[in-house]
Amino acid sequence: MVESAAGPSGKVPAALRALGIPLVLAGLGLLAGQWLTFDIKGDGGWYGLLSSGLLAIGLYGSAQGIAHPHSRSDVYRIVVAITVGVVAKAAFIAGVLRLAFPDHQEYLVLAVAMAQIDPLSVSAMLENRDMSPRAKSLLAAWASFDDPVTTVLVVILGSMVLENPQSITAGTQSYAVTLLGNLGLLLAAAGLWWVVRDTKPSNASWGSVSAGSVSARQIAQYGALAAVLAVAVWQFWMLGLALSALFFRPRLGAWLDRATGLALVVATLLLGILLARGADFAVGALLGAATFSAQIVVASLVGLGLSRRDRISLCFSQQNGITAIILALLLEPRLPDAVAIIAPAILVVNMLHVGTTGVLGQIRTARMPVVKAGPSRTDEATAAHDC
């Protein structure tokens, strides 16, 4: 029997606990923000490097969810989801905001920042979600790789829409330069990996490493990875970094998960500190509702050909987390309302996810046929003996 999201397995409480941890961290940051203040420079500085570094760790960590598609036909679905799907979601959200706030053109950038699915939340959700392996593979790849696409779109659209048309970091002043830079980083990473990769086949997975077993080649791999991350942060070439993560995979063990978790903690605390300046719940609530609705529209098209159960699960899979938080931090120097709007939007999206999946789980449980246990073989043999 498959338990519902709100059933005896306690999946809704688990989801609420997962939502509660970021809320506690943001609350701690909010308290700290009552006394701690700092100036955010629009030209980057330590704040820009910190935000870019957090995003780089989050994007590289999300590559863990990218595995081989369940079937070849899903490659097309994944490509559509992370390209046309991201743009369609951003356009839908932007259209809603444009109708509600026609005088705020800068809100279009916030629409793009929310048009992705949090890979960390999806990874935890898939362990208990009632979906086929094919749908899980599709959603995992979708959530993992729409983040860098969204990030690049935020940089490009932000430079065109916001009043201060400067790049978030140096070296991304135009669309062409951004693409060429990302391509250069990708090629350089491929060359480095060709030099430092393991030439002998190993039974260990790419994510396994034990204490005392680090070889000189692994040290070289770690150094090369650090160099790729440093360049990506310096020039904000996040798309090239994410593409490199598809093959640049030294055995990091649990360290990558720990680094990603630490990045989420730092980003959430920083979000809370900035949120002490105030929150715009009206715009944030509308942004969150539009984001959740956009996923329903796009997923219903991407999921064509899948079972009805899988399509519904994809439609209600929207969650926002580390990437949306860090993009809000990156946009804050040029768009002072970014954190005030995106923070409540994230809360609305995740609450809608918990509520809809809980109701969906209850409905599916209620529709499941009740199987009555018949007499056992022992009982039948006893009855025959009595006769």
Protein backbone atom coordinates (compact mmCIF):
# COMPACT_ATOMS: atom_id res chain seq x y z
CA MET A 1 0.00 0.00 0.00
CA VAL A 2 1.30 3.42 -0.95
CA GLU A 3 0.86 5.85 1.88
CA SER A 4 -0.33 9.32 1.17
CA ALA A 5 1.55 12.49 1.85
CA ALA A 6 -0.69 13.09 4.82
CA GLY A 7 -1.16 9.49 5.85
CA PRO A 8 0.31 7.28 8.52
CA SER A 9 3.80 7.64 7.13
CA GLY A 10 3.85 11.21 8.38
CA LYS A 11 5.08 12.75 5.14
CA VAL A 12 3.32 16.05 5.67
CA PRO A 13 4.88 16.46 9.13
CA ALA A 14 8.25 15.65 7.55
CA ALA A 15 7.62 18.26 4.85
CA LEU A 16 6.59 20.76 7.49
CA ARG A 17 9.77 20.04 9.43
CA ALA A 18 11.81 20.57 6.28
CA LEU A 19 10.00 23.89 5.82
CA GLY A 20 10.41 24.76 9.48
CA ILE A 21 14.22 24.59 9.47
CA PRO A 22 14.65 27.44 6.93
CA LEU A 23 11.98 29.40 8.78
CA VAL A 24 13.92 29.07 12.03
CA LEU A 25 17.16 30.10 10.30
CA ALA A 26 15.48 33.08 8.66
CA GLY A 27 13.96 33.98 12.03
CA LEU A 28 17.39 33.93 13.66
CA GLY A 29 18.69 36.14 10.89
CA LEU A 30 15.72 38.45 11.34
CA LEU A 31 16.55 38.81 15.04
CA ALA A 32 20.20 39.43 14.25
CA GLY A 33 19.15 42.04 11.69
CA GLN A 34 17.64 44.16 14.45
CA TRP A 35 21.16 44.97 15.62
CA LEU A 36 23.42 43.92 12.74
CA THR A 37 23.41 46.10 9.64
CA PHE A 38 25.85 46.31 6.75
CA ASP A 39 26.11 48.25 3.52
CA ILE A 40 25.50 46.30 0.30
CA LYS A 41 27.61 47.65 -2.52
CA GLY A 42 26.07 47.60 -5.96
CA ASP A 43 29.40 46.82 -7.61
CA GLY A 44 29.94 43.55 -5.83
CA GLY A 45 32.55 43.68 -3.05
CA TRP A 46 32.56 40.99 -0.37
CA TYR A 47 28.79 40.68 -0.53
CA GLY A 48 28.80 39.97 -4.25
CA LEU A 49 31.59 37.40 -3.93
CA LEU A 50 29.83 35.70 -1.01
CA SER A 51 26.52 35.52 -2.86
CA SER A 52 28.18 34.24 -6.02
CA GLY A 53 30.12 31.65 -4.03
CA LEU A 54 26.97 30.38 -2.33
CA LEU A 55 25.24 30.11 -5.70
CA ALA A 56 28.21 28.25 -7.23
CA ILE A 57 28.15 25.67 -4.44
CA GLY A 58 24.39 25.27 -4.77
CA LEU A 59 24.51 24.82 -8.54
CA TYR A 60 27.37 22.34 -8.41
CA GLY A 61 25.65 20.40 -5.64
CA SER A 62 22.43 20.22 -7.63
CA ALA A 63 24.28 18.23 -10.29
CA GLN A 64 24.02 15.23 -7.98
CA GLY A 65 20.40 14.90 -9.03
CA ILE A 66 21.27 14.70 -12.71
CA ALA A 67 21.52 11.05 -13.69
CA HIS A 68 20.86 9.10 -16.85
CA PRO A 69 17.26 9.57 -18.03
CA HIS A 70 14.93 6.64 -17.47
CA SER A 71 14.38 6.36 -21.21
CA ARG A 72 15.73 8.04 -24.33
CA SER A 73 12.41 9.71 -25.00
CA ASP A 74 12.78 11.61 -21.72
CA VAL A 75 15.88 13.42 -22.98
CA TYR A 76 13.62 15.52 -25.18
CA ARG A 77 11.28 16.22 -22.26
CA ILE A 78 14.17 17.31 -20.06
CA VAL A 79 15.55 19.65 -22.71
CA VAL A 80 12.11 21.18 -23.23
CA ALA A 81 11.56 21.55 -19.49
CA ILE A 82 14.84 23.35 -18.78
CA THR A 83 14.67 25.62 -21.85
CA VAL A 84 11.19 26.31 -23.17
CA GLY A 85 9.67 25.34 -19.83
CA VAL A 86 11.75 27.81 -17.82
CA VAL A 87 11.04 30.63 -20.27
CA ALA A 88 7.33 29.78 -20.35
CA LYS A 89 7.12 29.74 -16.56
CA ALA A 90 8.95 33.05 -16.31
CA ALA A 91 6.69 34.59 -18.96
CA PHE A 92 3.56 33.37 -17.16
CA ILE A 93 4.71 34.77 -13.80
CA ALA A 94 5.85 38.02 -15.38
CA GLY A 95 2.50 38.40 -17.14
CA VAL A 96 0.63 38.07 -13.85
CA LEU A 97 2.87 40.63 -12.15
CA ARG A 98 2.64 42.95 -15.14
CA LEU A 99 -1.16 42.92 -15.00
CA ALA A 100 -1.20 43.54 -11.26
CA PHE A 101 1.64 46.08 -11.13
CA PRO A 102 1.99 47.72 -14.57
CA ASP A 103 4.24 50.47 -13.21
CA HIS A 104 6.86 48.09 -11.81
CA GLN A 105 8.86 46.80 -14.72
CA GLU A 106 11.60 45.58 -12.39
CA TYR A 107 9.29 42.85 -11.08
CA LEU A 108 9.92 40.96 -14.31
CA VAL A 109 13.35 40.00 -12.99
CA LEU A 110 11.76 38.54 -9.85
CA ALA A 111 9.55 36.37 -12.05
CA VAL A 112 12.61 34.80 -13.64
CA ALA A 113 14.29 34.32 -10.25
CA MET A 114 11.35 32.21 -9.05
CA ALA A 115 10.92 30.17 -12.24
CA GLN A 116 12.94 27.17 -11.07
CA ILE A 117 12.41 24.18 -8.82
CA ASP A 118 14.60 23.65 -5.76
CA PRO A 119 16.67 20.47 -6.36
CA LEU A 120 17.33 19.89 -2.64
CA SER A 121 13.63 19.86 -1.81
CA VAL A 122 12.84 17.67 -4.81
CA SER A 123 15.56 15.20 -3.84
CA ALA A 124 14.01 14.76 -0.39
CA MET A 125 10.50 14.67 -1.82
CA LEU A 126 11.22 11.90 -4.34
CA GLU A 127 12.05 9.42 -1.61
CA ASN A 128 8.40 9.32 -0.55
CA ARG A 129 6.54 10.61 -3.60
CA ASP A 130 4.12 8.22 -5.31
CA MET A 131 5.56 8.56 -8.81
CA SER A 132 6.92 6.17 -11.40
CA PRO A 133 10.73 5.88 -11.76
CA ARG A 134 10.43 7.60 -15.13
CA ALA A 135 8.62 10.63 -13.69
CA LYS A 136 11.07 10.81 -10.78
CA SER A 137 14.00 10.83 -13.21
CA LEU A 138 12.39 13.58 -15.24
CA LEU A 139 11.62 15.76 -12.21
CA ALA A 140 15.09 15.27 -10.70
CA ALA A 141 16.82 16.35 -13.91
CA TRP A 142 14.37 19.22 -14.39
CA ALA A 143 14.92 20.55 -10.86
CA SER A 144 18.69 20.13 -11.04
CA PHE A 145 19.34 21.86 -14.33
CA ASP A 146 16.76 24.64 -14.53
CA ASP A 147 18.74 26.52 -11.85
CA PRO A 148 21.69 27.58 -14.07
CA VAL A 149 19.34 28.46 -16.93
CA THR A 150 17.33 30.66 -14.58
CA THR A 151 20.50 32.23 -13.21
CA VAL A 152 21.76 33.21 -16.65
CA LEU A 153 18.34 34.65 -17.54
CA VAL A 154 18.33 36.69 -14.33
CA VAL A 155 21.72 38.20 -15.21
CA ILE A 156 20.72 39.01 -18.78
CA LEU A 157 17.25 40.35 -18.01
CA GLY A 158 18.51 42.22 -14.97
CA SER A 159 21.06 44.11 -17.08
CA MET A 160 18.30 45.14 -19.50
CA VAL A 161 15.46 45.97 -17.09
CA LEU A 162 17.00 47.40 -13.95
CA GLU A 163 17.94 51.04 -13.82
CA ASN A 164 21.58 50.33 -13.08
CA PRO A 165 22.65 48.23 -16.10
CA GLN A 166 25.75 46.77 -14.52
CA SER A 167 26.56 43.11 -14.21
CA ILE A 168 26.23 41.40 -10.87
CA THR A 169 29.95 40.58 -11.13
CA ALA A 170 32.67 41.60 -13.51
CA GLY A 171 32.80 39.99 -16.93
CA THR A 172 29.08 39.52 -17.68
CA GLN A 173 28.27 42.84 -19.35
CA SER A 174 26.59 41.41 -22.41
CA TYR A 175 24.80 38.29 -23.58
CA ALA A 176 27.53 37.37 -26.06
CA VAL A 177 30.32 37.78 -23.51
CA THR A 178 28.36 35.67 -21.02
CA LEU A 179 27.93 32.81 -23.47
CA LEU A 180 31.54 32.93 -24.64
CA GLY A 181 32.80 33.04 -21.07
CA ASN A 182 30.69 30.08 -20.03
CA LEU A 183 31.83 28.14 -23.08
CA GLY A 184 35.45 28.93 -22.28
CA LEU A 185 35.02 27.74 -18.70
CA LEU A 186 33.36 24.55 -19.93
CA LEU A 187 36.20 23.79 -22.35
CA ALA A 188 38.84 24.57 -19.73
CA ALA A 189 37.09 22.32 -17.20
CA ALA A 190 36.91 19.52 -19.78
CA GLY A 191 40.64 19.84 -20.43
CA LEU A 192 41.46 19.83 -16.73
CA TRP A 193 39.29 16.80 -16.11
CA TRP A 194 40.90 14.93 -19.00
CA VAL A 195 44.26 15.46 -17.29
CA VAL A 196 43.29 14.67 -13.68
CA ARG A 197 40.54 12.08 -14.21
CA ASP A 198 40.90 8.50 -13.00
CA THR A 199 42.32 6.50 -15.89
CA LYS A 200 41.67 3.15 -14.23
CA PRO A 201 38.09 1.93 -13.74
CA SER A 202 36.92 1.89 -10.14
CA ASN A 203 34.00 0.21 -8.44
CA ALA A 204 33.59 3.19 -6.11
CA SER A 205 30.93 5.71 -6.96
CA TRP A 206 31.87 9.28 -7.81
CA GLY A 207 30.55 10.42 -4.47
CA SER A 208 32.45 7.96 -2.26
CA VAL A 209 35.72 8.63 -0.49
CA SER A 210 37.20 7.21 2.70
CA ALA A 211 39.58 8.74 5.19
CA GLY A 212 43.23 7.95 4.54
CA SER A 213 42.58 6.83 0.95
CA VAL A 214 43.11 10.16 -0.82
CA SER A 215 45.63 9.76 -3.61
CA ALA A 216 47.77 12.34 -5.37
CA ARG A 217 45.41 12.18 -8.35
CA GLN A 218 42.43 12.94 -6.12
CA ILE A 219 44.27 15.90 -4.61
CA ALA A 220 44.85 17.16 -8.16
CA GLN A 221 41.14 16.71 -8.88
CA TYR A 222 40.20 18.71 -5.79
CA GLY A 223 42.61 21.47 -6.77
CA ALA A 224 41.23 21.59 -10.31
CA LEU A 225 37.67 21.72 -8.98
CA ALA A 226 38.60 24.58 -6.67
CA ALA A 227 40.08 26.46 -9.63
CA VAL A 228 36.93 25.94 -11.73
CA LEU A 229 34.73 27.12 -8.85
CA ALA A 230 36.93 30.17 -8.25
CA VAL A 231 36.80 31.27 -11.89
CA ALA A 232 33.04 30.68 -12.04
CA VAL A 233 32.52 32.87 -8.96
CA TRP A 234 34.93 35.55 -10.15
CA GLN A 235 33.32 35.94 -13.58
CA PHE A 236 29.84 34.64 -12.66
CA TRP A 237 29.96 31.90 -15.30
CA MET A 238 27.39 29.72 -13.58
CA LEU A 239 26.05 27.99 -16.70
CA GLY A 240 29.52 26.78 -17.62
CA LEU A 241 30.00 25.56 -14.05
CA ALA A 242 26.73 23.64 -14.09
CA LEU A 243 27.56 22.03 -17.43
CA SER A 244 31.00 21.11 -16.13
CA ALA A 245 29.40 19.42 -13.13
CA LEU A 246 27.91 16.83 -15.48
CA PHE A 247 31.34 15.25 -15.95
CA PHE A 248 33.70 16.98 -13.49
CA ARG A 249 32.96 14.70 -10.57
CA PRO A 250 35.78 13.88 -8.18
CA ARG A 251 34.91 11.59 -5.29
CA LEU A 252 33.83 14.06 -2.61
CA GLY A 253 31.82 11.76 -0.38
CA ALA A 254 29.60 13.55 2.12
CA TRP A 255 31.59 16.77 1.82
CA LEU A 256 29.53 18.02 -1.10
CA ASP A 257 26.27 17.53 0.78
CA ARG A 258 27.77 19.29 3.80
CA ALA A 259 28.97 22.21 1.67
CA THR A 260 25.56 22.55 0.03
CA GLY A 261 23.83 22.40 3.40
CA LEU A 262 26.19 25.03 4.81
CA ALA A 263 25.54 27.28 1.80
CA LEU A 264 21.80 27.01 2.46
CA VAL A 265 22.28 27.88 6.14
CA VAL A 266 24.45 30.93 5.40
CA ALA A 267 22.14 32.15 2.62
CA THR A 268 19.02 31.77 4.76
CA LEU A 269 20.59 33.59 7.70
CA LEU A 270 21.69 36.39 5.39
CA LEU A 271 18.19 36.52 3.92
CA GLY A 272 16.75 36.95 7.41
CA ILE A 273 19.18 39.77 8.22
CA LEU A 274 18.16 41.67 5.09
CA LEU A 275 14.51 40.86 5.74
CA ALA A 276 14.73 42.93 8.93
CA ARG A 277 14.30 45.95 6.68
CA GLY A 278 10.74 44.83 5.96
CA ALA A 279 8.75 42.48 3.73
CA ASP A 280 6.23 43.10 0.95
CA PHE A 281 3.69 40.34 1.60
CA ALA A 282 1.18 41.54 -1.02
CA VAL A 283 3.55 41.32 -3.97
CA GLY A 284 5.29 38.27 -2.50
CA ALA A 285 2.05 36.34 -2.09
CA LEU A 286 1.03 37.08 -5.68
CA LEU A 287 4.50 36.11 -6.94
CA GLY A 288 4.35 32.83 -5.03
CA ALA A 289 0.84 31.96 -6.24
CA ALA A 290 1.78 32.80 -9.84
CA THR A 291 4.91 30.64 -9.58
CA PHE A 292 2.96 27.65 -8.32
CA SER A 293 0.33 28.13 -11.03
CA ALA A 294 3.00 28.42 -13.74
CA GLN A 295 4.36 25.01 -12.78
CA ILE A 296 0.90 23.49 -13.17
CA VAL A 297 0.54 24.93 -16.68
CA VAL A 298 4.02 23.98 -17.92
CA ALA A 299 4.14 20.55 -16.27
CA SER A 300 0.79 19.60 -17.79
CA LEU A 301 2.40 20.08 -21.20
CA VAL A 302 5.79 18.56 -20.40
CA GLY A 303 4.09 15.52 -18.89
CA LEU A 304 2.02 14.69 -21.97
CA GLY A 305 2.27 10.96 -22.60
CA LEU A 306 2.89 10.10 -18.96
CA SER A 307 0.31 8.52 -16.71
CA ARG A 308 -2.36 10.69 -15.13
CA ARG A 309 -0.85 10.13 -11.69
CA ASP A 310 2.61 11.25 -12.85
CA ARG A 311 1.26 14.33 -14.63
CA ILE A 312 -0.59 15.47 -11.52
CA SER A 313 2.48 14.89 -9.37
CA LEU A 314 4.62 16.96 -11.76
CA CYS A 315 2.05 19.76 -11.73
CA PHE A 316 2.20 20.04 -7.93
CA SER A 317 5.98 19.65 -7.62
CA GLN A 318 6.91 23.34 -7.50
CA GLN A 319 9.19 24.19 -4.58
CA ASN A 320 11.65 27.03 -4.10
CA GLY A 321 14.69 27.07 -1.87
CA ILE A 322 18.41 27.72 -2.03
CA THR A 323 18.59 29.06 -5.60
CA ALA A 324 15.70 31.50 -5.18
CA ILE A 325 17.17 32.67 -1.87
CA ILE A 326 20.62 33.30 -3.34
CA LEU A 327 19.21 35.00 -6.44
CA ALA A 328 17.30 37.33 -4.12
CA LEU A 329 20.57 38.11 -2.35
CA LEU A 330 22.30 38.75 -5.68
CA LEU A 331 19.55 41.07 -6.88
CA GLU A 332 19.25 43.02 -3.63
CA PRO A 333 22.05 45.56 -4.38
CA ARG A 334 20.33 46.66 -7.60
CA LEU A 335 16.75 45.87 -6.64
CA PRO A 336 16.27 46.75 -2.95
CA ASP A 337 12.86 45.04 -2.82
CA ALA A 338 14.16 41.67 -4.04
CA VAL A 339 14.51 40.02 -0.61
CA ALA A 340 11.35 41.67 0.73
CA ILE A 341 9.30 40.15 -2.12
CA ILE A 342 11.02 36.83 -2.84
CA ALA A 343 11.17 35.72 0.82
CA PRO A 344 7.36 35.65 1.32
CA ALA A 345 6.96 34.25 -2.20
CA ILE A 346 9.11 31.24 -1.28
CA LEU A 347 7.00 30.70 1.82
CA VAL A 348 3.76 30.82 -0.18
CA VAL A 349 5.05 28.38 -2.82
CA ASN A 350 6.21 25.83 -0.27
CA MET A 351 3.02 26.09 1.79
CA LEU A 352 0.98 25.55 -1.37
CA HIS A 353 3.12 22.52 -2.16
CA VAL A 354 2.62 21.00 1.28
CA GLY A 355 -1.12 21.67 1.20
CA THR A 356 -1.81 20.38 -2.31
CA THR A 357 0.30 17.25 -1.97
CA GLY A 358 -1.34 16.51 1.36
CA VAL A 359 -4.83 16.79 -0.12
CA LEU A 360 -3.75 14.78 -3.16
CA GLY A 361 -2.40 12.05 -0.92
CA GLN A 362 -5.67 11.88 1.03
CA ILE A 363 -7.67 11.60 -2.19
CA ARG A 364 -5.48 8.82 -3.53
CA THR A 365 -5.68 6.93 -0.26
CA ALA A 366 -9.48 7.23 -0.17
CA ARG A 367 -9.76 5.86 -3.70
CA MET A 368 -7.59 2.82 -3.06
CA PRO A 369 -9.63 -0.41 -2.92
CA VAL A 370 -9.81 -2.17 0.39
CA VAL A 371 -8.39 -5.67 0.09
CA LYS A 372 -10.09 -8.08 2.45
CA ALA A 373 -7.91 -10.85 3.77
CA GLY A 374 -9.31 -14.28 2.87
CA PRO A 375 -8.92 -17.48 4.85
CA SER A 376 -5.38 -18.76 5.09
CA ARG A 377 -4.24 -22.16 3.88
CA THR A 378 -3.97 -23.31 7.48
CA ASP A 379 -7.60 -22.37 8.17
CA GLU A 380 -8.77 -24.18 5.03
CA ALA A 381 -6.86 -27.29 5.98
CA THR A 382 -8.31 -27.24 9.50
CA ALA A 383 -11.85 -26.85 8.16
CA ALA A 384 -11.37 -29.77 5.76
CA HIS A 385 -10.03 -31.92 8.58
CA ASP A 386 -13.04 -31.09 10.75
CA CYS A 387 -15.41 -32.16 7.99
